[in-house]
Amino acid sequence: MLRYTLMRLGVFAGCLVVVWGLVYSGVAPRGLGDSNGLWVVLLALLVSAPISFVVLRKERDRASERIVRRVERAKANLDANRTQEDAADDTARAQGQAQTS
């Protein structure tokens, strides 16, 4: 997951540099009033999103597979703990009923 995040940040940084160059060279509009910095960042986000979606598809799939495995492992651990608790509760109830009888 960290690798995907760093790759995504790299794509954004590259787009930020390109957009900044285009805005300051006059090819792209400069925004309204004093919004130039925010304009450059938003435009870079808008450009980097589809690029990341296409270019980082394989890495995103790998990251999602890792997340799915972690979630499945956590669910299995919760089920195992729940089963142990149920067994302990059943044993305690059986012992309590045997002592009262």
PDB file of N, CA and C in Angstrom:
ATOM      1  N   MET A   1       0.826  -1.185   0.000  1.00  0.00           N
ATOM      2  CA  MET A   1       0.000   0.000   0.000  1.00  0.00           C
ATOM      3  C   MET A   1       0.870   1.248   0.000  1.00  0.00           C
ATOM      4  N   LEU A   2       1.961   1.222   0.738  1.00  0.00           N
ATOM      5  CA  LEU A   2       2.862   2.365   0.781  1.00  0.00           C
ATOM      6  C   LEU A   2       3.464   2.627  -0.593  1.00  0.00           C
ATOM      7  N   ARG A   3       3.795   1.562  -1.296  1.00  0.00           N
ATOM      8  CA  ARG A   3       4.379   1.710  -2.621  1.00  0.00           C
ATOM      9  C   ARG A   3       3.396   2.390  -3.569  1.00  0.00           C
ATOM     10  N   TYR A   4       2.144   1.975  -3.543  1.00  0.00           N
ATOM     11  CA  TYR A   4       1.130   2.583  -4.389  1.00  0.00           C
ATOM     12  C   TYR A   4       0.954   4.057  -4.037  1.00  0.00           C
ATOM     13  N   THR A   5       0.920   4.355  -2.752  1.00  0.00           N
ATOM     14  CA  THR A   5       0.755   5.740  -2.313  1.00  0.00           C
ATOM     15  C   THR A   5       1.912   6.607  -2.783  1.00  0.00           C
ATOM     16  N   LEU A   6       3.125   6.083  -2.660  1.00  0.00           N
ATOM     17  CA  LEU A   6       4.291   6.847  -3.109  1.00  0.00           C
ATOM     18  C   LEU A   6       4.290   7.037  -4.623  1.00  0.00           C
ATOM     19  N   MET A   7       3.867   6.013  -5.343  1.00  0.00           N
ATOM     20  CA  MET A   7       3.775   6.140  -6.803  1.00  0.00           C
ATOM     21  C   MET A   7       2.710   7.171  -7.182  1.00  0.00           C
ATOM     22  N   ARG A   8       1.624   7.159  -6.473  1.00  0.00           N
ATOM     23  CA  ARG A   8       0.551   8.131  -6.735  1.00  0.00           C
ATOM     24  C   ARG A   8       1.025   9.546  -6.444  1.00  0.00           C
ATOM     25  N   LEU A   9       1.767   9.719  -5.350  1.00  0.00           N
ATOM     26  CA  LEU A   9       2.328  11.034  -5.038  1.00  0.00           C
ATOM     27  C   LEU A   9       3.333  11.472  -6.101  1.00  0.00           C
ATOM     28  N   GLY A  10       4.095  10.522  -6.628  1.00  0.00           N
ATOM     29  CA  GLY A  10       5.043  10.833  -7.687  1.00  0.00           C
ATOM     30  C   GLY A  10       4.353  11.316  -8.945  1.00  0.00           C
ATOM     31  N   VAL A  11       3.256  10.658  -9.309  1.00  0.00           N
ATOM     32  CA  VAL A  11       2.487  11.089 -10.488  1.00  0.00           C
ATOM     33  C   VAL A  11       1.935  12.494 -10.248  1.00  0.00           C
ATOM     34  N   PHE A  12       1.422  12.734  -9.046  1.00  0.00           N
ATOM     35  CA  PHE A  12       0.898  14.063  -8.727  1.00  0.00           C
ATOM     36  C   PHE A  12       2.001  15.113  -8.769  1.00  0.00           C
ATOM     37  N   ALA A  13       3.163  14.800  -8.209  1.00  0.00           N
ATOM     38  CA  ALA A  13       4.271  15.767  -8.219  1.00  0.00           C
ATOM     39  C   ALA A  13       4.702  16.089  -9.648  1.00  0.00           C
ATOM     40  N   GLY A  14       4.774  15.083 -10.494  1.00  0.00           N
ATOM     41  CA  GLY A  14       5.116  15.318 -11.893  1.00  0.00           C
ATOM     42  C   GLY A  14       4.092  16.202 -12.574  1.00  0.00           C
ATOM     43  N   CYS A  15       2.820  15.931 -12.338  1.00  0.00           N
ATOM     44  CA  CYS A  15       1.759  16.752 -12.923  1.00  0.00           C
ATOM     45  C   CYS A  15       1.805  18.174 -12.368  1.00  0.00           C
ATOM     46  N   LEU A  16       2.119  18.308 -11.099  1.00  0.00           N
ATOM     47  CA  LEU A  16       2.214  19.630 -10.483  1.00  0.00           C
ATOM     48  C   LEU A  16       3.302  20.457 -11.156  1.00  0.00           C
ATOM     49  N   VAL A  17       4.451  19.849 -11.414  1.00  0.00           N
ATOM     50  CA  VAL A  17       5.544  20.559 -12.082  1.00  0.00           C
ATOM     51  C   VAL A  17       5.137  20.958 -13.499  1.00  0.00           C
ATOM     52  N   VAL A  18       4.511  20.042 -14.219  1.00  0.00           N
ATOM     53  CA  VAL A  18       4.097  20.334 -15.596  1.00  0.00           C
ATOM     54  C   VAL A  18       3.035  21.431 -15.615  1.00  0.00           C
ATOM     55  N   VAL A  19       2.034  21.335 -14.751  1.00  0.00           N
ATOM     56  CA  VAL A  19       0.972  22.343 -14.712  1.00  0.00           C
ATOM     57  C   VAL A  19       1.549  23.688 -14.297  1.00  0.00           C
ATOM     58  N   TRP A  20       2.422  23.688 -13.315  1.00  0.00           N
ATOM     59  CA  TRP A  20       3.047  24.937 -12.877  1.00  0.00           C
ATOM     60  C   TRP A  20       3.791  25.589 -14.047  1.00  0.00           C
ATOM     61  N   GLY A  21       4.521  24.789 -14.804  1.00  0.00           N
ATOM     62  CA  GLY A  21       5.228  25.315 -15.965  1.00  0.00           C
ATOM     63  C   GLY A  21       4.284  25.866 -17.012  1.00  0.00           C
ATOM     64  N   LEU A  22       3.187  25.167 -17.257  1.00  0.00           N
ATOM     65  CA  LEU A  22       2.211  25.635 -18.247  1.00  0.00           C
ATOM     66  C   LEU A  22       1.526  26.922 -17.808  1.00  0.00           C
ATOM     67  N   VAL A  23       1.204  27.027 -16.516  1.00  0.00           N
ATOM     68  CA  VAL A  23       0.537  28.232 -16.017  1.00  0.00           C
ATOM     69  C   VAL A  23       1.487  29.418 -16.069  1.00  0.00           C
ATOM     70  N   TYR A  24       2.709  29.238 -15.620  1.00  0.00           N
ATOM     71  CA  TYR A  24       3.639  30.357 -15.587  1.00  0.00           C
ATOM     72  C   TYR A  24       4.194  30.722 -16.962  1.00  0.00           C
ATOM     73  N   SER A  25       4.081  29.823 -17.919  1.00  0.00           N
ATOM     74  CA  SER A  25       4.494  30.186 -19.284  1.00  0.00           C
ATOM     75  C   SER A  25       3.346  30.822 -20.050  1.00  0.00           C
ATOM     76  N   GLY A  26       2.147  30.789 -19.483  1.00  0.00           N
ATOM     77  CA  GLY A  26       0.996  31.433 -20.103  1.00  0.00           C
ATOM     78  C   GLY A  26       0.179  30.507 -20.983  1.00  0.00           C
ATOM     79  N   VAL A  27       0.534  29.242 -21.087  1.00  0.00           N
ATOM     80  CA  VAL A  27      -0.222  28.298 -21.914  1.00  0.00           C
ATOM     81  C   VAL A  27      -1.557  27.967 -21.259  1.00  0.00           C
ATOM     82  N   ALA A  28      -1.555  27.777 -19.943  1.00  0.00           N
ATOM     83  CA  ALA A  28      -2.782  27.489 -19.192  1.00  0.00           C
ATOM     84  C   ALA A  28      -3.199  28.756 -18.450  1.00  0.00           C
ATOM     85  N   PRO A  29      -4.502  28.940 -18.185  1.00  0.00           N
ATOM     86  CA  PRO A  29      -4.952  30.145 -17.477  1.00  0.00           C
ATOM     87  C   PRO A  29      -4.401  30.214 -16.056  1.00  0.00           C
ATOM     88  N   ARG A  30      -4.239  31.415 -15.566  1.00  0.00           N
ATOM     89  CA  ARG A  30      -3.640  31.646 -14.245  1.00  0.00           C
ATOM     90  C   ARG A  30      -4.640  31.595 -13.097  1.00  0.00           C
ATOM     91  N   GLY A  31      -5.878  31.402 -13.313  1.00  0.00           N
ATOM     92  CA  GLY A  31      -6.869  31.382 -12.240  1.00  0.00           C
ATOM     93  C   GLY A  31      -7.438  32.759 -12.030  1.00  0.00           C
ATOM     94  N   LEU A  32      -8.192  32.927 -10.955  1.00  0.00           N
ATOM     95  CA  LEU A  32      -8.838  34.205 -10.664  1.00  0.00           C
ATOM     96  C   LEU A  32      -8.137  34.909  -9.517  1.00  0.00           C
ATOM     97  N   GLY A  33      -7.739  36.116  -9.729  1.00  0.00           N
ATOM     98  CA  GLY A  33      -7.142  36.927  -8.672  1.00  0.00           C
ATOM     99  C   GLY A  33      -5.924  36.276  -8.044  1.00  0.00           C
ATOM    100  N   ASP A  34      -5.982  36.095  -6.716  1.00  0.00           N
ATOM    101  CA  ASP A  34      -4.864  35.522  -5.968  1.00  0.00           C
ATOM    102  C   ASP A  34      -4.963  34.013  -5.823  1.00  0.00           C
ATOM    103  N   SER A  35      -5.793  33.354  -6.593  1.00  0.00           N
ATOM    104  CA  SER A  35      -6.009  31.914  -6.448  1.00  0.00           C
ATOM    105  C   SER A  35      -5.015  31.093  -7.258  1.00  0.00           C
ATOM    106  N   ASN A  36      -3.928  31.671  -7.694  1.00  0.00           N
ATOM    107  CA  ASN A  36      -3.010  30.991  -8.599  1.00  0.00           C
ATOM    108  C   ASN A  36      -2.449  29.695  -8.007  1.00  0.00           C
ATOM    109  N   GLY A  37      -1.995  29.716  -6.766  1.00  0.00           N
ATOM    110  CA  GLY A  37      -1.436  28.509  -6.145  1.00  0.00           C
ATOM    111  C   GLY A  37      -2.453  27.400  -6.027  1.00  0.00           C
ATOM    112  N   LEU A  38      -3.626  27.761  -5.553  1.00  0.00           N
ATOM    113  CA  LEU A  38      -4.706  26.781  -5.423  1.00  0.00           C
ATOM    114  C   LEU A  38      -5.121  26.257  -6.798  1.00  0.00           C
ATOM    115  N   TRP A  39      -5.170  27.138  -7.782  1.00  0.00           N
ATOM    116  CA  TRP A  39      -5.517  26.748  -9.144  1.00  0.00           C
ATOM    117  C   TRP A  39      -4.539  25.708  -9.673  1.00  0.00           C
ATOM    118  N   VAL A  40      -3.245  25.929  -9.464  1.00  0.00           N
ATOM    119  CA  VAL A  40      -2.226  25.005  -9.958  1.00  0.00           C
ATOM    120  C   VAL A  40      -2.388  23.641  -9.295  1.00  0.00           C
ATOM    121  N   VAL A  41      -2.603  23.626  -7.982  1.00  0.00           N
ATOM    122  CA  VAL A  41      -2.762  22.357  -7.254  1.00  0.00           C
ATOM    123  C   VAL A  41      -4.016  21.620  -7.715  1.00  0.00           C
ATOM    124  N   LEU A  42      -5.126  22.327  -7.838  1.00  0.00           N
ATOM    125  CA  LEU A  42      -6.369  21.675  -8.267  1.00  0.00           C
ATOM    126  C   LEU A  42      -6.262  21.153  -9.691  1.00  0.00           C
ATOM    127  N   LEU A  43      -5.637  21.924 -10.565  1.00  0.00           N
ATOM    128  CA  LEU A  43      -5.466  21.471 -11.939  1.00  0.00           C
ATOM    129  C   LEU A  43      -4.548  20.244 -11.995  1.00  0.00           C
ATOM    130  N   ALA A  44      -3.505  20.230 -11.169  1.00  0.00           N
ATOM    131  CA  ALA A  44      -2.609  19.076 -11.111  1.00  0.00           C
ATOM    132  C   ALA A  44      -3.345  17.845 -10.586  1.00  0.00           C
ATOM    133  N   LEU A  45      -4.205  18.017  -9.583  1.00  0.00           N
ATOM    134  CA  LEU A  45      -5.018  16.896  -9.086  1.00  0.00           C
ATOM    135  C   LEU A  45      -5.942  16.369 -10.176  1.00  0.00           C
ATOM    136  N   LEU A  46      -6.548  17.274 -10.906  1.00  0.00           N
ATOM    137  CA  LEU A  46      -7.471  16.886 -11.972  1.00  0.00           C
ATOM    138  C   LEU A  46      -6.760  16.126 -13.088  1.00  0.00           C
ATOM    139  N   VAL A  47      -5.540  16.504 -13.381  1.00  0.00           N
ATOM    140  CA  VAL A  47      -4.780  15.837 -14.437  1.00  0.00           C
ATOM    141  C   VAL A  47      -4.198  14.510 -13.944  1.00  0.00           C
ATOM    142  N   SER A  48      -3.734  14.483 -12.689  1.00  0.00           N
ATOM    143  CA  SER A  48      -3.048  13.286 -12.190  1.00  0.00           C
ATOM    144  C   SER A  48      -4.002  12.122 -11.904  1.00  0.00           C
ATOM    145  N   ALA A  49      -5.255  12.401 -11.584  1.00  0.00           N
ATOM    146  CA  ALA A  49      -6.203  11.330 -11.238  1.00  0.00           C
ATOM    147  C   ALA A  49      -6.396  10.326 -12.371  1.00  0.00           C
ATOM    148  N   PRO A  50      -6.737  10.755 -13.586  1.00  0.00           N
ATOM    149  CA  PRO A  50      -6.905   9.751 -14.645  1.00  0.00           C
ATOM    150  C   PRO A  50      -5.590   9.088 -15.049  1.00  0.00           C
ATOM    151  N   ILE A  51      -4.497   9.838 -14.969  1.00  0.00           N
ATOM    152  CA  ILE A  51      -3.197   9.237 -15.297  1.00  0.00           C
ATOM    153  C   ILE A  51      -2.882   8.123 -14.298  1.00  0.00           C
ATOM    154  N   SER A  52      -3.071   8.401 -13.013  1.00  0.00           N
ATOM    155  CA  SER A  52      -2.832   7.381 -11.985  1.00  0.00           C
ATOM    156  C   SER A  52      -3.752   6.187 -12.166  1.00  0.00           C
ATOM    157  N   PHE A  53      -5.000   6.451 -12.519  1.00  0.00           N
ATOM    158  CA  PHE A  53      -5.969   5.376 -12.698  1.00  0.00           C
ATOM    159  C   PHE A  53      -5.517   4.399 -13.772  1.00  0.00           C
ATOM    160  N   VAL A  54      -4.967   4.910 -14.842  1.00  0.00           N
ATOM    161  CA  VAL A  54      -4.540   4.061 -15.955  1.00  0.00           C
ATOM    162  C   VAL A  54      -3.152   3.475 -15.711  1.00  0.00           C
ATOM    163  N   VAL A  55      -2.211   4.317 -15.341  1.00  0.00           N
ATOM    164  CA  VAL A  55      -0.810   3.894 -15.248  1.00  0.00           C
ATOM    165  C   VAL A  55      -0.564   2.980 -14.052  1.00  0.00           C
ATOM    166  N   LEU A  56      -1.245   3.208 -12.946  1.00  0.00           N
ATOM    167  CA  LEU A  56      -0.982   2.445 -11.714  1.00  0.00           C
ATOM    168  C   LEU A  56      -1.992   1.327 -11.487  1.00  0.00           C
ATOM    169  N   ARG A  57      -2.658   0.870 -12.529  1.00  0.00           N
ATOM    170  CA  ARG A  57      -3.693  -0.161 -12.381  1.00  0.00           C
ATOM    171  C   ARG A  57      -3.149  -1.440 -11.747  1.00  0.00           C
ATOM    172  N   LYS A  58      -2.015  -1.929 -12.230  1.00  0.00           N
ATOM    173  CA  LYS A  58      -1.469  -3.188 -11.696  1.00  0.00           C
ATOM    174  C   LYS A  58      -1.079  -3.045 -10.225  1.00  0.00           C
ATOM    175  N   GLU A  59      -0.455  -1.932  -9.895  1.00  0.00           N
ATOM    176  CA  GLU A  59      -0.053  -1.720  -8.506  1.00  0.00           C
ATOM    177  C   GLU A  59      -1.280  -1.562  -7.604  1.00  0.00           C
ATOM    178  N   ARG A  60      -2.318  -0.910  -8.086  1.00  0.00           N
ATOM    179  CA  ARG A  60      -3.551  -0.763  -7.313  1.00  0.00           C
ATOM    180  C   ARG A  60      -4.199  -2.124  -7.084  1.00  0.00           C
ATOM    181  N   ASP A  61      -4.188  -2.982  -8.107  1.00  0.00           N
ATOM    182  CA  ASP A  61      -4.744  -4.331  -7.955  1.00  0.00           C
ATOM    183  C   ASP A  61      -3.966  -5.133  -6.916  1.00  0.00           C
ATOM    184  N   ARG A  62      -2.631  -5.019  -6.952  1.00  0.00           N
ATOM    185  CA  ARG A  62      -1.819  -5.716  -5.941  1.00  0.00           C
ATOM    186  C   ARG A  62      -2.127  -5.217  -4.543  1.00  0.00           C
ATOM    187  N   ALA A  63      -2.240  -3.915  -4.395  1.00  0.00           N
ATOM    188  CA  ALA A  63      -2.538  -3.344  -3.079  1.00  0.00           C
ATOM    189  C   ALA A  63      -3.905  -3.792  -2.588  1.00  0.00           C
ATOM    190  N   SER A  64      -4.889  -3.829  -3.474  1.00  0.00           N
ATOM    191  CA  SER A  64      -6.224  -4.256  -3.048  1.00  0.00           C
ATOM    192  C   SER A  64      -6.242  -5.739  -2.680  1.00  0.00           C
ATOM    193  N   GLU A  65      -5.451  -6.556  -3.373  1.00  0.00           N
ATOM    194  CA  GLU A  65      -5.370  -7.977  -3.007  1.00  0.00           C
ATOM    195  C   GLU A  65      -4.779  -8.137  -1.608  1.00  0.00           C
ATOM    196  N   ARG A  66      -3.760  -7.344  -1.296  1.00  0.00           N
ATOM    197  CA  ARG A  66      -3.173  -7.401   0.050  1.00  0.00           C
ATOM    198  C   ARG A  66      -4.188  -6.985   1.103  1.00  0.00           C
ATOM    199  N   ILE A  67      -4.963  -5.969   0.799  1.00  0.00           N
ATOM    200  CA  ILE A  67      -5.973  -5.510   1.756  1.00  0.00           C
ATOM    201  C   ILE A  67      -7.040  -6.578   1.955  1.00  0.00           C
ATOM    202  N   VAL A  68      -7.467  -7.215   0.890  1.00  0.00           N
ATOM    203  CA  VAL A  68      -8.476  -8.283   0.992  1.00  0.00           C
ATOM    204  C   VAL A  68      -7.942  -9.425   1.847  1.00  0.00           C
ATOM    205  N   ARG A  69      -6.673  -9.799   1.646  1.00  0.00           N
ATOM    206  CA  ARG A  69      -6.085 -10.879   2.463  1.00  0.00           C
ATOM    207  C   ARG A  69      -6.057 -10.494   3.935  1.00  0.00           C
ATOM    208  N   ARG A  70      -5.709  -9.244   4.235  1.00  0.00           N
ATOM    209  CA  ARG A  70      -5.680  -8.803   5.636  1.00  0.00           C
ATOM    210  C   ARG A  70      -7.071  -8.840   6.249  1.00  0.00           C
ATOM    211  N   VAL A  71      -8.063  -8.396   5.498  1.00  0.00           N
ATOM    212  CA  VAL A  71      -9.436  -8.393   6.012  1.00  0.00           C
ATOM    213  C   VAL A  71      -9.910  -9.820   6.253  1.00  0.00           C
ATOM    214  N   GLU A  72      -9.622 -10.724   5.322  1.00  0.00           N
ATOM    215  CA  GLU A  72     -10.023 -12.125   5.498  1.00  0.00           C
ATOM    216  C   GLU A  72      -9.334 -12.744   6.705  1.00  0.00           C
ATOM    217  N   ARG A  73      -8.054 -12.431   6.887  1.00  0.00           N
ATOM    218  CA  ARG A  73      -7.327 -12.956   8.046  1.00  0.00           C
ATOM    219  C   ARG A  73      -7.920 -12.403   9.343  1.00  0.00           C
ATOM    220  N   ALA A  74      -8.276 -11.108   9.358  1.00  0.00           N
ATOM    221  CA  ALA A  74      -8.886 -10.522  10.548  1.00  0.00           C
ATOM    222  C   ALA A  74     -10.243 -11.157  10.839  1.00  0.00           C
ATOM    223  N   LYS A  75     -11.030 -11.400   9.790  1.00  0.00           N
ATOM    224  CA  LYS A  75     -12.329 -12.057   9.981  1.00  0.00           C
ATOM    225  C   LYS A  75     -12.151 -13.467  10.530  1.00  0.00           C
ATOM    226  N   ALA A  76     -11.169 -14.197  10.019  1.00  0.00           N
ATOM    227  CA  ALA A  76     -10.910 -15.552  10.507  1.00  0.00           C
ATOM    228  C   ALA A  76     -10.504 -15.513  11.979  1.00  0.00           C
ATOM    229  N   ASN A  77      -9.667 -14.553  12.348  1.00  0.00           N
ATOM    230  CA  ASN A  77      -9.260 -14.429  13.747  1.00  0.00           C
ATOM    231  C   ASN A  77     -10.450 -14.078  14.635  1.00  0.00           C
ATOM    232  N   LEU A  78     -11.320 -13.195  14.168  1.00  0.00           N
ATOM    233  CA  LEU A  78     -12.508 -12.856  14.955  1.00  0.00           C
ATOM    234  C   LEU A  78     -13.426 -14.064  15.118  1.00  0.00           C
ATOM    235  N   ASP A  79     -13.611 -14.827  14.047  1.00  0.00           N
ATOM    236  CA  ASP A  79     -14.442 -16.028  14.140  1.00  0.00           C
ATOM    237  C   ASP A  79     -13.845 -17.045  15.101  1.00  0.00           C
ATOM    238  N   ALA A  80     -12.522 -17.207  15.054  1.00  0.00           N
ATOM    239  CA  ALA A  80     -11.859 -18.140  15.969  1.00  0.00           C
ATOM    240  C   ALA A  80     -12.037 -17.689  17.412  1.00  0.00           C
ATOM    241  N   ASN A  81     -11.882 -16.396  17.659  1.00  0.00           N
ATOM    242  CA  ASN A  81     -12.074 -15.874  19.017  1.00  0.00           C
ATOM    243  C   ASN A  81     -13.520 -16.035  19.469  1.00  0.00           C
ATOM    244  N   ARG A  82     -14.450 -15.790  18.567  1.00  0.00           N
ATOM    245  CA  ARG A  82     -15.867 -15.927  18.906  1.00  0.00           C
ATOM    246  C   ARG A  82     -16.183 -17.389  19.246  1.00  0.00           C
ATOM    247  N   THR A  83     -15.620 -18.327  18.489  1.00  0.00           N
ATOM    248  CA  THR A  83     -15.836 -19.747  18.746  1.00  0.00           C
ATOM    249  C   THR A  83     -15.265 -20.144  20.105  1.00  0.00           C
ATOM    250  N   GLN A  84     -14.068 -19.639  20.416  1.00  0.00           N
ATOM    251  CA  GLN A  84     -13.457 -19.937  21.717  1.00  0.00           C
ATOM    252  C   GLN A  84     -14.310 -19.371  22.846  1.00  0.00           C
ATOM    253  N   GLU A  85     -14.819 -18.146  22.664  1.00  0.00           N
ATOM    254  CA  GLU A  85     -15.670 -17.554  23.701  1.00  0.00           C
ATOM    255  C   GLU A  85     -16.955 -18.336  23.872  1.00  0.00           C
ATOM    256  N   ASP A  86     -17.556 -18.769  22.763  1.00  0.00           N
ATOM    257  CA  ASP A  86     -18.785 -19.552  22.847  1.00  0.00           C
ATOM    258  C   ASP A  86     -18.538 -20.881  23.568  1.00  0.00           C
ATOM    259  N   ALA A  87     -17.422 -21.527  23.255  1.00  0.00           N
ATOM    260  CA  ALA A  87     -17.097 -22.807  23.897  1.00  0.00           C
ATOM    261  C   ALA A  87     -16.863 -22.605  25.396  1.00  0.00           C
ATOM    262  N   ALA A  88     -16.147 -21.536  25.754  1.00  0.00           N
ATOM    263  CA  ALA A  88     -15.892 -21.258  27.168  1.00  0.00           C
ATOM    264  C   ALA A  88     -17.193 -20.939  27.890  1.00  0.00           C
ATOM    265  N   ASP A  89     -18.075 -20.196  27.254  1.00  0.00           N
ATOM    266  CA  ASP A  89     -19.358 -19.855  27.848  1.00  0.00           C
ATOM    267  C   ASP A  89     -20.213 -21.107  28.032  1.00  0.00           C
ATOM    268  N   ASP A  90     -20.242 -21.984  27.024  1.00  0.00           N
ATOM    269  CA  ASP A  90     -21.010 -23.228  27.134  1.00  0.00           C
ATOM    270  C   ASP A  90     -20.476 -24.107  28.250  1.00  0.00           C
ATOM    271  N   THR A  91     -19.151 -24.176  28.362  1.00  0.00           N
ATOM    272  CA  THR A  91     -18.535 -24.977  29.431  1.00  0.00           C
ATOM    273  C   THR A  91     -18.892 -24.413  30.795  1.00  0.00           C
ATOM    274  N   ALA A  92     -18.818 -23.111  30.941  1.00  0.00           N
ATOM    275  CA  ALA A  92     -19.139 -22.472  32.229  1.00  0.00           C
ATOM    276  C   ALA A  92     -20.602 -22.680  32.592  1.00  0.00           C
ATOM    277  N   ARG A  93     -21.477 -22.577  31.633  1.00  0.00           N
ATOM    278  CA  ARG A  93     -22.898 -22.796  31.901  1.00  0.00           C
ATOM    279  C   ARG A  93     -23.170 -24.246  32.280  1.00  0.00           C
ATOM    280  N   ALA A  94     -22.498 -25.173  31.585  1.00  0.00           N
ATOM    281  CA  ALA A  94     -22.699 -26.594  31.892  1.00  0.00           C
ATOM    282  C   ALA A  94     -22.199 -26.891  33.311  1.00  0.00           C
ATOM    283  N   GLN A  95     -21.061 -26.316  33.677  1.00  0.00           N
ATOM    284  CA  GLN A  95     -20.532 -26.540  35.015  1.00  0.00           C
ATOM    285  C   GLN A  95     -21.438 -25.900  36.075  1.00  0.00           C
ATOM    286  N   GLY A  96     -21.989 -24.737  35.750  1.00  0.00           N
ATOM    287  CA  GLY A  96     -22.892 -24.055  36.690  1.00  0.00           C
ATOM    288  C   GLY A  96     -24.165 -24.848  36.891  1.00  0.00           C
ATOM    289  N   GLN A  97     -24.698 -25.455  35.837  1.00  0.00           N
ATOM    290  CA  GLN A  97     -25.918 -26.254  35.939  1.00  0.00           C
ATOM    291  C   GLN A  97     -25.635 -27.553  36.680  1.00  0.00           C
ATOM    292  N   ALA A  98     -24.442 -28.123  36.494  1.00  0.00           N
ATOM    293  CA  ALA A  98     -24.115 -29.376  37.168  1.00  0.00           C
ATOM    294  C   ALA A  98     -23.965 -29.147  38.672  1.00  0.00           C
ATOM    295  N   GLN A  99     -23.457 -27.989  39.054  1.00  0.00           N
ATOM    296  CA  GLN A  99     -23.276 -27.706  40.476  1.00  0.00           C
ATOM    297  C   GLN A  99     -24.596 -27.400  41.157  1.00  0.00           C
ATOM    298  N   THR A 100     -25.556 -26.823  40.441  1.00  0.00           N
ATOM    299  CA  THR A 100     -26.842 -26.478  41.053  1.00  0.00           C
ATOM    300  C   THR A 100     -27.781 -27.685  41.091  1.00  0.00           C
ATOM    301  N   SER A 101     -27.493 -28.707  40.308  1.00  0.00           N
ATOM    302  CA  SER A 101     -28.391 -29.862  40.256  1.00  0.00           C
ATOM    303  C   SER A 101     -28.139 -30.818  41.359  1.00  0.00           C
TER     304      SER A 101
END
